[in-house]
């Protein structure tokens, strides 16, 4: 299962970079990030395909950037201009999700 890291507490307007490491070739087709806020369902955030094409949820477009390393083993999520509503546990997987879910990494944004 993927292992997410890089979360933390940050003030609004700040930045964080999340990392996700999975087994070799786990992200060969695509890699995606999801998040789950307290009391809410898990939502898709961003995706990158094997060719490097990206797409984002409207709520993060222009602020978040997804990338992967060349071996397609690690996925990253660069998050800028963070808002309190970005507070959630962040997970990586494919889209649609084929991998087992990891533990996630907590991101908390204070106002």
PDB file of N, CA and C in Angstrom:
ATOM      1  N   UNK A   1       0.843  -1.185   0.000  1.00  0.00           N
ATOM      2  CA  UNK A   1       0.000   0.000   0.000  1.00  0.00           C
ATOM      3  C   UNK A   1       0.886   1.244   0.000  1.00  0.00           C
ATOM      4  N   UNK A   2       0.373   2.344  -0.499  1.00  0.00           N
ATOM      5  CA  UNK A   2       1.179   3.573  -0.537  1.00  0.00           C
ATOM      6  C   UNK A   2       1.475   4.085   0.874  1.00  0.00           C
ATOM      7  N   UNK A   3       2.565   4.817   1.001  1.00  0.00           N
ATOM      8  CA  UNK A   3       2.936   5.444   2.260  1.00  0.00           C
ATOM      9  C   UNK A   3       3.053   6.941   2.013  1.00  0.00           C
ATOM     10  N   UNK A   4       2.144   7.697   2.629  1.00  0.00           N
ATOM     11  CA  UNK A   4       2.113   9.141   2.460  1.00  0.00           C
ATOM     12  C   UNK A   4       2.876   9.825   3.584  1.00  0.00           C
ATOM     13  N   UNK A   5       3.478  10.967   3.283  1.00  0.00           N
ATOM     14  CA  UNK A   5       4.206  11.742   4.290  1.00  0.00           C
ATOM     15  C   UNK A   5       4.237  13.204   3.887  1.00  0.00           C
ATOM     16  N   UNK A   6       4.677  14.040   4.817  1.00  0.00           N
ATOM     17  CA  UNK A   6       4.866  15.447   4.513  1.00  0.00           C
ATOM     18  C   UNK A   6       3.801  16.372   5.054  1.00  0.00           C
ATOM     19  N   UNK A   7       2.781  15.821   5.676  1.00  0.00           N
ATOM     20  CA  UNK A   7       1.743  16.662   6.222  1.00  0.00           C
ATOM     21  C   UNK A   7       2.213  17.428   7.442  1.00  0.00           C
ATOM     22  N   UNK A   8       1.368  18.315   7.926  1.00  0.00           N
ATOM     23  CA  UNK A   8       1.710  19.089   9.112  1.00  0.00           C
ATOM     24  C   UNK A   8       0.729  20.209   9.322  1.00  0.00           C
ATOM     25  N   UNK A   9       1.091  21.091  10.243  1.00  0.00           N
ATOM     26  CA  UNK A   9       0.276  22.257  10.560  1.00  0.00           C
ATOM     27  C   UNK A   9       0.914  23.474   9.908  1.00  0.00           C
ATOM     28  N   UNK A  10       0.124  24.233   9.197  1.00  0.00           N
ATOM     29  CA  UNK A  10       0.633  25.408   8.501  1.00  0.00           C
ATOM     30  C   UNK A  10      -0.397  26.516   8.567  1.00  0.00           C
ATOM     31  N   UNK A  11       0.051  27.740   8.524  1.00  0.00           N
ATOM     32  CA  UNK A  11      -0.877  28.868   8.520  1.00  0.00           C
ATOM     33  C   UNK A  11      -1.450  29.074   7.125  1.00  0.00           C
ATOM     34  N   UNK A  12      -2.609  29.674   7.080  1.00  0.00           N
ATOM     35  CA  UNK A  12      -3.230  29.993   5.794  1.00  0.00           C
ATOM     36  C   UNK A  12      -2.255  30.816   4.949  1.00  0.00           C
ATOM     37  N   UNK A  13      -2.189  30.469   3.674  1.00  0.00           N
ATOM     38  CA  UNK A  13      -1.258  31.121   2.774  1.00  0.00           C
ATOM     39  C   UNK A  13       0.068  30.409   2.650  1.00  0.00           C
ATOM     40  N   UNK A  14       0.298  29.445   3.519  1.00  0.00           N
ATOM     41  CA  UNK A  14       1.558  28.716   3.508  1.00  0.00           C
ATOM     42  C   UNK A  14       1.581  27.589   2.488  1.00  0.00           C
ATOM     43  N   UNK A  15       2.673  26.833   2.513  1.00  0.00           N
ATOM     44  CA  UNK A  15       2.885  25.763   1.542  1.00  0.00           C
ATOM     45  C   UNK A  15       3.336  24.481   2.232  1.00  0.00           C
ATOM     46  N   UNK A  16       3.016  23.370   1.612  1.00  0.00           N
ATOM     47  CA  UNK A  16       3.491  22.054   2.027  1.00  0.00           C
ATOM     48  C   UNK A  16       3.696  21.214   0.782  1.00  0.00           C
ATOM     49  N   UNK A  17       4.615  20.268   0.888  1.00  0.00           N
ATOM     50  CA  UNK A  17       4.787  19.291  -0.186  1.00  0.00           C
ATOM     51  C   UNK A  17       4.593  17.895   0.392  1.00  0.00           C
ATOM     52  N   UNK A  18       3.648  17.184  -0.139  1.00  0.00           N
ATOM     53  CA  UNK A  18       3.368  15.819   0.281  1.00  0.00           C
ATOM     54  C   UNK A  18       4.092  14.843  -0.639  1.00  0.00           C
ATOM     55  N   UNK A  19       4.489  13.715  -0.065  1.00  0.00           N
ATOM     56  CA  UNK A  19       5.122  12.651  -0.834  1.00  0.00           C
ATOM     57  C   UNK A  19       4.382  11.348  -0.615  1.00  0.00           C
ATOM     58  N   UNK A  20       4.428  10.499  -1.605  1.00  0.00           N
ATOM     59  CA  UNK A  20       3.784   9.192  -1.507  1.00  0.00           C
ATOM     60  C   UNK A  20       4.664   8.177  -2.210  1.00  0.00           C
ATOM     61  N   UNK A  21       5.065   7.171  -1.487  1.00  0.00           N
ATOM     62  CA  UNK A  21       5.897   6.120  -2.053  1.00  0.00           C
ATOM     63  C   UNK A  21       5.105   4.825  -2.129  1.00  0.00           C
ATOM     64  N   UNK A  22       5.182   4.186  -3.282  1.00  0.00           N
ATOM     65  CA  UNK A  22       4.455   2.934  -3.471  1.00  0.00           C
ATOM     66  C   UNK A  22       5.392   1.908  -4.092  1.00  0.00           C
ATOM     67  N   UNK A  23       4.869   0.746  -4.343  1.00  0.00           N
ATOM     68  CA  UNK A  23       5.684  -0.297  -4.948  1.00  0.00           C
ATOM     69  C   UNK A  23       6.075   0.110  -6.366  1.00  0.00           C
ATOM     70  N   UNK A  24       7.088  -0.543  -6.873  1.00  0.00           N
ATOM     71  CA  UNK A  24       7.573  -0.207  -8.204  1.00  0.00           C
ATOM     72  C   UNK A  24       6.453  -0.309  -9.231  1.00  0.00           C
ATOM     73  N   UNK A  25       6.388   0.686 -10.070  1.00  0.00           N
ATOM     74  CA  UNK A  25       5.408   0.743 -11.166  1.00  0.00           C
ATOM     75  C   UNK A  25       3.971   0.921 -10.696  1.00  0.00           C
ATOM     76  N   UNK A  26       3.769   1.233  -9.423  1.00  0.00           N
ATOM     77  CA  UNK A  26       2.403   1.405  -8.933  1.00  0.00           C
ATOM     78  C   UNK A  26       1.688   2.514  -9.668  1.00  0.00           C
ATOM     79  N   UNK A  27       2.441   3.524 -10.065  1.00  0.00           N
ATOM     80  CA  UNK A  27       1.831   4.682 -10.715  1.00  0.00           C
ATOM     81  C   UNK A  27       2.125   4.692 -12.215  1.00  0.00           C
ATOM     82  N   UNK A  28       2.289   3.541 -12.779  1.00  0.00           N
ATOM     83  CA  UNK A  28       2.620   3.446 -14.202  1.00  0.00           C
ATOM     84  C   UNK A  28       1.523   4.043 -15.073  1.00  0.00           C
ATOM     85  N   UNK A  29       0.285   3.831 -14.712  1.00  0.00           N
ATOM     86  CA  UNK A  29      -0.829   4.358 -15.506  1.00  0.00           C
ATOM     87  C   UNK A  29      -1.136   5.791 -15.094  1.00  0.00           C
ATOM     88  N   UNK A  30      -1.388   5.985 -13.825  1.00  0.00           N
ATOM     89  CA  UNK A  30      -1.552   7.334 -13.306  1.00  0.00           C
ATOM     90  C   UNK A  30      -1.360   7.324 -11.806  1.00  0.00           C
ATOM     91  N   UNK A  31      -1.192   8.481 -11.251  1.00  0.00           N
ATOM     92  CA  UNK A  31      -1.116   8.664  -9.802  1.00  0.00           C
ATOM     93  C   UNK A  31      -2.085   9.771  -9.441  1.00  0.00           C
ATOM     94  N   UNK A  32      -2.700   9.635  -8.298  1.00  0.00           N
ATOM     95  CA  UNK A  32      -3.694  10.616  -7.881  1.00  0.00           C
ATOM     96  C   UNK A  32      -3.608  10.865  -6.388  1.00  0.00           C
ATOM     97  N   UNK A  33      -4.041  12.042  -6.019  1.00  0.00           N
ATOM     98  CA  UNK A  33      -4.177  12.400  -4.608  1.00  0.00           C
ATOM     99  C   UNK A  33      -5.654  12.607  -4.293  1.00  0.00           C
ATOM    100  N   UNK A  34      -6.006  12.200  -3.090  1.00  0.00           N
ATOM    101  CA  UNK A  34      -7.349  12.371  -2.569  1.00  0.00           C
ATOM    102  C   UNK A  34      -7.235  12.994  -1.190  1.00  0.00           C
ATOM    103  N   UNK A  35      -8.335  13.507  -0.673  1.00  0.00           N
ATOM    104  CA  UNK A  35      -8.346  14.007   0.692  1.00  0.00           C
ATOM    105  C   UNK A  35      -9.700  13.762   1.329  1.00  0.00           C
ATOM    106  N   UNK A  36      -9.647  13.651   2.650  1.00  0.00           N
ATOM    107  CA  UNK A  36     -10.864  13.427   3.411  1.00  0.00           C
ATOM    108  C   UNK A  36     -10.866  14.344   4.616  1.00  0.00           C
ATOM    109  N   UNK A  37     -11.784  15.287   4.605  1.00  0.00           N
ATOM    110  CA  UNK A  37     -11.940  16.203   5.731  1.00  0.00           C
ATOM    111  C   UNK A  37     -12.786  15.525   6.800  1.00  0.00           C
ATOM    112  N   UNK A  38     -12.680  15.969   8.034  1.00  0.00           N
ATOM    113  CA  UNK A  38     -13.457  15.351   9.121  1.00  0.00           C
ATOM    114  C   UNK A  38     -14.951  15.344   8.819  1.00  0.00           C
ATOM    115  N   UNK A  39     -15.549  14.181   8.925  1.00  0.00           N
ATOM    116  CA  UNK A  39     -16.986  14.059   8.728  1.00  0.00           C
ATOM    117  C   UNK A  39     -17.435  14.097   7.279  1.00  0.00           C
ATOM    118  N   UNK A  40     -16.492  14.078   6.347  1.00  0.00           N
ATOM    119  CA  UNK A  40     -16.850  14.154   4.929  1.00  0.00           C
ATOM    120  C   UNK A  40     -16.299  12.947   4.178  1.00  0.00           C
ATOM    121  N   UNK A  41     -16.779  12.765   2.969  1.00  0.00           N
ATOM    122  CA  UNK A  41     -16.300  11.657   2.148  1.00  0.00           C
ATOM    123  C   UNK A  41     -14.930  11.988   1.576  1.00  0.00           C
ATOM    124  N   UNK A  42     -14.256  10.939   1.130  1.00  0.00           N
ATOM    125  CA  UNK A  42     -12.968  11.123   0.489  1.00  0.00           C
ATOM    126  C   UNK A  42     -13.173  11.675  -0.923  1.00  0.00           C
ATOM    127  N   UNK A  43     -12.486  12.747  -1.243  1.00  0.00           N
ATOM    128  CA  UNK A  43     -12.637  13.411  -2.530  1.00  0.00           C
ATOM    129  C   UNK A  43     -11.335  13.364  -3.316  1.00  0.00           C
ATOM    130  N   UNK A  44     -11.453  13.283  -4.590  1.00  0.00           N
ATOM    131  CA  UNK A  44     -10.302  13.339  -5.483  1.00  0.00           C
ATOM    132  C   UNK A  44      -9.781  14.775  -5.548  1.00  0.00           C
ATOM    133  N   UNK A  45      -8.457  14.925  -5.623  1.00  0.00           N
ATOM    134  CA  UNK A  45      -7.826  16.241  -5.635  1.00  0.00           C
ATOM    135  C   UNK A  45      -7.065  16.497  -6.934  1.00  0.00           C
ATOM    136  N   UNK A  46      -6.219  15.525  -7.338  1.00  0.00           N
ATOM    137  CA  UNK A  46      -5.358  15.752  -8.495  1.00  0.00           C
ATOM    138  C   UNK A  46      -4.938  14.422  -9.084  1.00  0.00           C
ATOM    139  N   UNK A  47      -4.606  14.446 -10.381  1.00  0.00           N
ATOM    140  CA  UNK A  47      -4.159  13.239 -11.063  1.00  0.00           C
ATOM    141  C   UNK A  47      -3.097  13.603 -12.090  1.00  0.00           C
ATOM    142  N   UNK A  48      -2.136  12.690 -12.271  1.00  0.00           N
ATOM    143  CA  UNK A  48      -1.140  12.831 -13.325  1.00  0.00           C
ATOM    144  C   UNK A  48      -1.061  11.497 -14.072  1.00  0.00           C
ATOM    145  N   UNK A  49      -1.084  11.560 -15.375  1.00  0.00           N
ATOM    146  CA  UNK A  49      -1.027  10.340 -16.183  1.00  0.00           C
ATOM    147  C   UNK A  49       0.424   9.967 -16.476  1.00  0.00           C
ATOM    148  N   UNK A  50       0.604   8.829 -17.091  1.00  0.00           N
ATOM    149  CA  UNK A  50       1.951   8.359 -17.425  1.00  0.00           C
ATOM    150  C   UNK A  50       2.638   9.289 -18.425  1.00  0.00           C
ATOM    151  N   UNK A  51       1.854  10.008 -19.192  1.00  0.00           N
ATOM    152  CA  UNK A  51       2.427  10.940 -20.168  1.00  0.00           C
ATOM    153  C   UNK A  51       2.677  12.319 -19.574  1.00  0.00           C
ATOM    154  N   UNK A  52       2.303  12.491 -18.325  1.00  0.00           N
ATOM    155  CA  UNK A  52       2.542  13.766 -17.655  1.00  0.00           C
ATOM    156  C   UNK A  52       1.377  14.735 -17.682  1.00  0.00           C
ATOM    157  N   UNK A  53       0.278  14.334 -18.279  1.00  0.00           N
ATOM    158  CA  UNK A  53      -0.900  15.206 -18.273  1.00  0.00           C
ATOM    159  C   UNK A  53      -1.485  15.252 -16.867  1.00  0.00           C
ATOM    160  N   UNK A  54      -1.931  16.425 -16.482  1.00  0.00           N
ATOM    161  CA  UNK A  54      -2.470  16.606 -15.130  1.00  0.00           C
ATOM    162  C   UNK A  54      -3.880  17.178 -15.179  1.00  0.00           C
ATOM    163  N   UNK A  55      -4.647  16.865 -14.175  1.00  0.00           N
ATOM    164  CA  UNK A  55      -5.923  17.546 -13.980  1.00  0.00           C
ATOM    165  C   UNK A  55      -6.184  17.643 -12.483  1.00  0.00           C
ATOM    166  N   UNK A  56      -6.994  18.630 -12.119  1.00  0.00           N
ATOM    167  CA  UNK A  56      -7.188  19.002 -10.734  1.00  0.00           C
ATOM    168  C   UNK A  56      -8.660  19.277 -10.438  1.00  0.00           C
ATOM    169  N   UNK A  57      -9.012  19.057  -9.192  1.00  0.00           N
ATOM    170  CA  UNK A  57     -10.320  19.492  -8.737  1.00  0.00           C
ATOM    171  C   UNK A  57     -10.367  21.018  -8.784  1.00  0.00           C
ATOM    172  N   UNK A  58     -11.523  21.560  -9.054  1.00  0.00           N
ATOM    173  CA  UNK A  58     -11.649  23.014  -9.174  1.00  0.00           C
ATOM    174  C   UNK A  58     -11.188  23.728  -7.910  1.00  0.00           C
ATOM    175  N   UNK A  59     -11.382  23.103  -6.775  1.00  0.00           N
ATOM    176  CA  UNK A  59     -11.067  23.754  -5.499  1.00  0.00           C
ATOM    177  C   UNK A  59      -9.570  23.961  -5.289  1.00  0.00           C
ATOM    178  N   UNK A  60      -8.731  23.233  -6.024  1.00  0.00           N
ATOM    179  CA  UNK A  60      -7.285  23.350  -5.825  1.00  0.00           C
ATOM    180  C   UNK A  60      -6.560  23.822  -7.070  1.00  0.00           C
ATOM    181  N   UNK A  61      -7.271  23.982  -8.151  1.00  0.00           N
ATOM    182  CA  UNK A  61      -6.656  24.359  -9.416  1.00  0.00           C
ATOM    183  C   UNK A  61      -5.921  25.688  -9.275  1.00  0.00           C
ATOM    184  N   UNK A  62      -4.687  25.722  -9.757  1.00  0.00           N
ATOM    185  CA  UNK A  62      -3.884  26.933  -9.669  1.00  0.00           C
ATOM    186  C   UNK A  62      -3.096  27.044  -8.379  1.00  0.00           C
ATOM    187  N   UNK A  63      -3.386  26.192  -7.396  1.00  0.00           N
ATOM    188  CA  UNK A  63      -2.667  26.235  -6.118  1.00  0.00           C
ATOM    189  C   UNK A  63      -1.854  24.963  -5.868  1.00  0.00           C
ATOM    190  N   UNK A  64      -2.335  23.827  -6.341  1.00  0.00           N
ATOM    191  CA  UNK A  64      -1.665  22.543  -6.117  1.00  0.00           C
ATOM    192  C   UNK A  64      -1.033  22.057  -7.423  1.00  0.00           C
ATOM    193  N   UNK A  65       0.083  21.343  -7.274  1.00  0.00           N
ATOM    194  CA  UNK A  65       0.755  20.758  -8.420  1.00  0.00           C
ATOM    195  C   UNK A  65       1.129  19.313  -8.105  1.00  0.00           C
ATOM    196  N   UNK A  66       0.716  18.400  -8.960  1.00  0.00           N
ATOM    197  CA  UNK A  66       1.043  16.982  -8.780  1.00  0.00           C
ATOM    198  C   UNK A  66       2.195  16.610  -9.713  1.00  0.00           C
ATOM    199  N   UNK A  67       3.060  15.728  -9.235  1.00  0.00           N
ATOM    200  CA  UNK A  67       4.167  15.254 -10.057  1.00  0.00           C
ATOM    201  C   UNK A  67       4.555  13.858  -9.595  1.00  0.00           C
ATOM    202  N   UNK A  68       5.349  13.185 -10.389  1.00  0.00           N
ATOM    203  CA  UNK A  68       5.896  11.882 -10.022  1.00  0.00           C
ATOM    204  C   UNK A  68       7.373  11.844 -10.385  1.00  0.00           C
ATOM    205  N   UNK A  69       8.101  10.906  -9.795  1.00  0.00           N
ATOM    206  CA  UNK A  69       9.483  10.739 -10.187  1.00  0.00           C
ATOM    207  C   UNK A  69       9.543   9.843 -11.424  1.00  0.00           C
ATOM    208  N   UNK A  70      10.716   9.749 -12.030  1.00  0.00           N
ATOM    209  CA  UNK A  70      10.834   9.022 -13.292  1.00  0.00           C
ATOM    210  C   UNK A  70      10.506   7.547 -13.156  1.00  0.00           C
ATOM    211  N   UNK A  71      10.768   6.970 -11.998  1.00  0.00           N
ATOM    212  CA  UNK A  71      10.499   5.552 -11.797  1.00  0.00           C
ATOM    213  C   UNK A  71       9.042   5.260 -11.512  1.00  0.00           C
ATOM    214  N   UNK A  72       8.239   6.311 -11.398  1.00  0.00           N
ATOM    215  CA  UNK A  72       6.810   6.168 -11.116  1.00  0.00           C
ATOM    216  C   UNK A  72       6.579   5.441  -9.789  1.00  0.00           C
ATOM    217  N   UNK A  73       7.500   5.662  -8.849  1.00  0.00           N
ATOM    218  CA  UNK A  73       7.323   5.062  -7.537  1.00  0.00           C
ATOM    219  C   UNK A  73       6.903   6.069  -6.491  1.00  0.00           C
ATOM    220  N   UNK A  74       7.193   7.337  -6.737  1.00  0.00           N
ATOM    221  CA  UNK A  74       6.879   8.379  -5.778  1.00  0.00           C
ATOM    222  C   UNK A  74       6.048   9.460  -6.437  1.00  0.00           C
ATOM    223  N   UNK A  75       4.983   9.818  -5.771  1.00  0.00           N
ATOM    224  CA  UNK A  75       4.125  10.910  -6.234  1.00  0.00           C
ATOM    225  C   UNK A  75       4.233  12.057  -5.244  1.00  0.00           C
ATOM    226  N   UNK A  76       4.143  13.266  -5.755  1.00  0.00           N
ATOM    227  CA  UNK A  76       4.253  14.453  -4.923  1.00  0.00           C
ATOM    228  C   UNK A  76       3.020  15.334  -5.127  1.00  0.00           C
ATOM    229  N   UNK A  77       2.737  16.110  -4.106  1.00  0.00           N
ATOM    230  CA  UNK A  77       1.696  17.118  -4.226  1.00  0.00           C
ATOM    231  C   UNK A  77       2.227  18.396  -3.591  1.00  0.00           C
ATOM    232  N   UNK A  78       2.574  19.341  -4.433  1.00  0.00           N
ATOM    233  CA  UNK A  78       3.010  20.656  -3.960  1.00  0.00           C
ATOM    234  C   UNK A  78       1.766  21.496  -3.732  1.00  0.00           C
ATOM    235  N   UNK A  79       1.593  21.974  -2.512  1.00  0.00           N
ATOM    236  CA  UNK A  79       0.399  22.729  -2.153  1.00  0.00           C
ATOM    237  C   UNK A  79       0.799  24.126  -1.739  1.00  0.00           C
ATOM    238  N   UNK A  80       0.339  25.119  -2.470  1.00  0.00           N
ATOM    239  CA  UNK A  80       0.625  26.522  -2.188  1.00  0.00           C
ATOM    240  C   UNK A  80      -0.662  27.255  -1.845  1.00  0.00           C
ATOM    241  N   UNK A  81      -0.508  28.424  -1.259  1.00  0.00           N
ATOM    242  CA  UNK A  81      -1.663  29.264  -0.906  1.00  0.00           C
ATOM    243  C   UNK A  81      -2.722  28.453  -0.164  1.00  0.00           C
ATOM    244  N   UNK A  82      -2.291  27.722   0.824  1.00  0.00           N
ATOM    245  CA  UNK A  82      -3.204  26.844   1.550  1.00  0.00           C
ATOM    246  C   UNK A  82      -4.288  27.624   2.274  1.00  0.00           C
ATOM    247  N   UNK A  83      -5.465  27.020   2.338  1.00  0.00           N
ATOM    248  CA  UNK A  83      -6.625  27.611   2.979  1.00  0.00           C
ATOM    249  C   UNK A  83      -7.112  26.692   4.099  1.00  0.00           C
ATOM    250  N   UNK A  84      -7.806  27.217   5.078  1.00  0.00           N
ATOM    251  CA  UNK A  84      -8.331  26.351   6.144  1.00  0.00           C
ATOM    252  C   UNK A  84      -9.178  25.206   5.593  1.00  0.00           C
ATOM    253  N   UNK A  85      -9.878  25.433   4.507  1.00  0.00           N
ATOM    254  CA  UNK A  85     -10.717  24.371   3.933  1.00  0.00           C
ATOM    255  C   UNK A  85      -9.905  23.260   3.274  1.00  0.00           C
ATOM    256  N   UNK A  86      -8.591  23.427   3.181  1.00  0.00           N
ATOM    257  CA  UNK A  86      -7.729  22.353   2.691  1.00  0.00           C
ATOM    258  C   UNK A  86      -7.394  21.353   3.803  1.00  0.00           C
ATOM    259  N   UNK A  87      -7.784  21.653   5.016  1.00  0.00           N
ATOM    260  CA  UNK A  87      -7.521  20.757   6.134  1.00  0.00           C
ATOM    261  C   UNK A  87      -8.185  19.407   5.906  1.00  0.00           C
ATOM    262  N   UNK A  88      -7.390  18.351   5.944  1.00  0.00           N
ATOM    263  CA  UNK A  88      -7.891  17.008   5.652  1.00  0.00           C
ATOM    264  C   UNK A  88      -6.755  16.005   5.816  1.00  0.00           C
ATOM    265  N   UNK A  89      -7.108  14.739   5.764  1.00  0.00           N
ATOM    266  CA  UNK A  89      -6.107  13.678   5.620  1.00  0.00           C
ATOM    267  C   UNK A  89      -5.956  13.423   4.128  1.00  0.00           C
ATOM    268  N   UNK A  90      -4.722  13.443   3.658  1.00  0.00           N
ATOM    269  CA  UNK A  90      -4.440  13.303   2.234  1.00  0.00           C
ATOM    270  C   UNK A  90      -3.908  11.897   1.946  1.00  0.00           C
ATOM    271  N   UNK A  91      -4.427  11.307   0.896  1.00  0.00           N
ATOM    272  CA  UNK A  91      -4.068   9.956   0.482  1.00  0.00           C
ATOM    273  C   UNK A  91      -3.644   9.955  -0.987  1.00  0.00           C
ATOM    274  N   UNK A  92      -2.804   8.991  -1.351  1.00  0.00           N
ATOM    275  CA  UNK A  92      -2.511   8.811  -2.763  1.00  0.00           C
ATOM    276  C   UNK A  92      -2.985   7.435  -3.209  1.00  0.00           C
ATOM    277  N   UNK A  93      -3.229   7.330  -4.485  1.00  0.00           N
ATOM    278  CA  UNK A  93      -3.705   6.089  -5.093  1.00  0.00           C
ATOM    279  C   UNK A  93      -3.680   6.321  -6.590  1.00  0.00           C
ATOM    280  N   UNK A  94      -4.346   5.499  -7.325  1.00  0.00           N
ATOM    281  CA  UNK A  94      -4.553   5.761  -8.743  1.00  0.00           C
ATOM    282  C   UNK A  94      -5.981   6.296  -8.882  1.00  0.00           C
ATOM    283  N   UNK A  95      -6.337   6.682 -10.099  1.00  0.00           N
ATOM    284  CA  UNK A  95      -7.712   7.119 -10.316  1.00  0.00           C
ATOM    285  C   UNK A  95      -8.238   6.436 -11.570  1.00  0.00           C
ATOM    286  N   UNK A  96      -9.224   5.524 -11.420  1.00  0.00           N
ATOM    287  CA  UNK A  96      -9.874   5.132 -10.170  1.00  0.00           C
ATOM    288  C   UNK A  96      -8.893   4.406  -9.245  1.00  0.00           C
ATOM    289  N   UNK A  97      -9.216   4.337  -7.970  1.00  0.00           N
ATOM    290  CA  UNK A  97      -8.288   3.745  -7.008  1.00  0.00           C
ATOM    291  C   UNK A  97      -8.215   2.226  -7.106  1.00  0.00           C
ATOM    292  N   UNK A  98      -7.021   1.710  -7.465  1.00  0.00           N
ATOM    293  CA  UNK A  98      -6.803   0.277  -7.544  1.00  0.00           C
ATOM    294  C   UNK A  98      -5.961  -0.250  -6.399  1.00  0.00           C
ATOM    295  N   UNK A  99      -5.193   0.632  -5.779  1.00  0.00           N
ATOM    296  CA  UNK A  99      -4.296   0.207  -4.716  1.00  0.00           C
ATOM    297  C   UNK A  99      -5.027   0.162  -3.378  1.00  0.00           C
ATOM    298  N   UNK A 100      -4.441  -0.537  -2.414  1.00  0.00           N
ATOM    299  CA  UNK A 100      -4.961  -0.457  -1.057  1.00  0.00           C
ATOM    300  C   UNK A 100      -4.711   0.958  -0.536  1.00  0.00           C
ATOM    301  N   UNK A 101      -5.598   1.433   0.317  1.00  0.00           N
ATOM    302  CA  UNK A 101      -5.407   2.771   0.869  1.00  0.00           C
ATOM    303  C   UNK A 101      -4.359   2.739   1.968  1.00  0.00           C
ATOM    304  N   UNK A 102      -3.505   3.759   1.961  1.00  0.00           N
ATOM    305  CA  UNK A 102      -2.529   3.896   3.022  1.00  0.00           C
ATOM    306  C   UNK A 102      -3.120   4.602   4.218  1.00  0.00           C
ATOM    307  N   UNK A 103      -2.255   4.985   5.145  1.00  0.00           N
ATOM    308  CA  UNK A 103      -2.696   5.671   6.359  1.00  0.00           C
ATOM    309  C   UNK A 103      -3.000   7.138   6.124  1.00  0.00           C
ATOM    310  N   UNK A 104      -2.465   7.677   5.050  1.00  0.00           N
ATOM    311  CA  UNK A 104      -2.672   9.089   4.785  1.00  0.00           C
ATOM    312  C   UNK A 104      -1.732   9.965   5.601  1.00  0.00           C
ATOM    313  N   UNK A 105      -1.740  11.247   5.276  1.00  0.00           N
ATOM    314  CA  UNK A 105      -0.951  12.223   6.029  1.00  0.00           C
ATOM    315  C   UNK A 105      -1.835  13.420   6.321  1.00  0.00           C
ATOM    316  N   UNK A 106      -1.811  13.864   7.570  1.00  0.00           N
ATOM    317  CA  UNK A 106      -2.711  14.916   8.019  1.00  0.00           C
ATOM    318  C   UNK A 106      -2.166  16.295   7.645  1.00  0.00           C
ATOM    319  N   UNK A 107      -3.027  17.098   7.063  1.00  0.00           N
ATOM    320  CA  UNK A 107      -2.714  18.496   6.775  1.00  0.00           C
ATOM    321  C   UNK A 107      -3.713  19.360   7.532  1.00  0.00           C
ATOM    322  N   UNK A 108      -3.212  20.277   8.318  1.00  0.00           N
ATOM    323  CA  UNK A 108      -4.065  21.194   9.073  1.00  0.00           C
ATOM    324  C   UNK A 108      -3.644  22.616   8.731  1.00  0.00           C
ATOM    325  N   UNK A 109      -4.596  23.423   8.318  1.00  0.00           N
ATOM    326  CA  UNK A 109      -4.321  24.810   7.932  1.00  0.00           C
ATOM    327  C   UNK A 109      -5.076  25.722   8.877  1.00  0.00           C
ATOM    328  N   UNK A 110      -4.343  26.541   9.589  1.00  0.00           N
ATOM    329  CA  UNK A 110      -4.956  27.454  10.551  1.00  0.00           C
ATOM    330  C   UNK A 110      -5.206  28.809   9.897  1.00  0.00           C
ATOM    331  N   UNK A 111      -6.258  29.454  10.359  1.00  0.00           N
ATOM    332  CA  UNK A 111      -6.613  30.766   9.783  1.00  0.00           C
ATOM    333  C   UNK A 111      -5.898  31.888  10.507  1.00  0.00           C
TER     334      UNK A 111
END
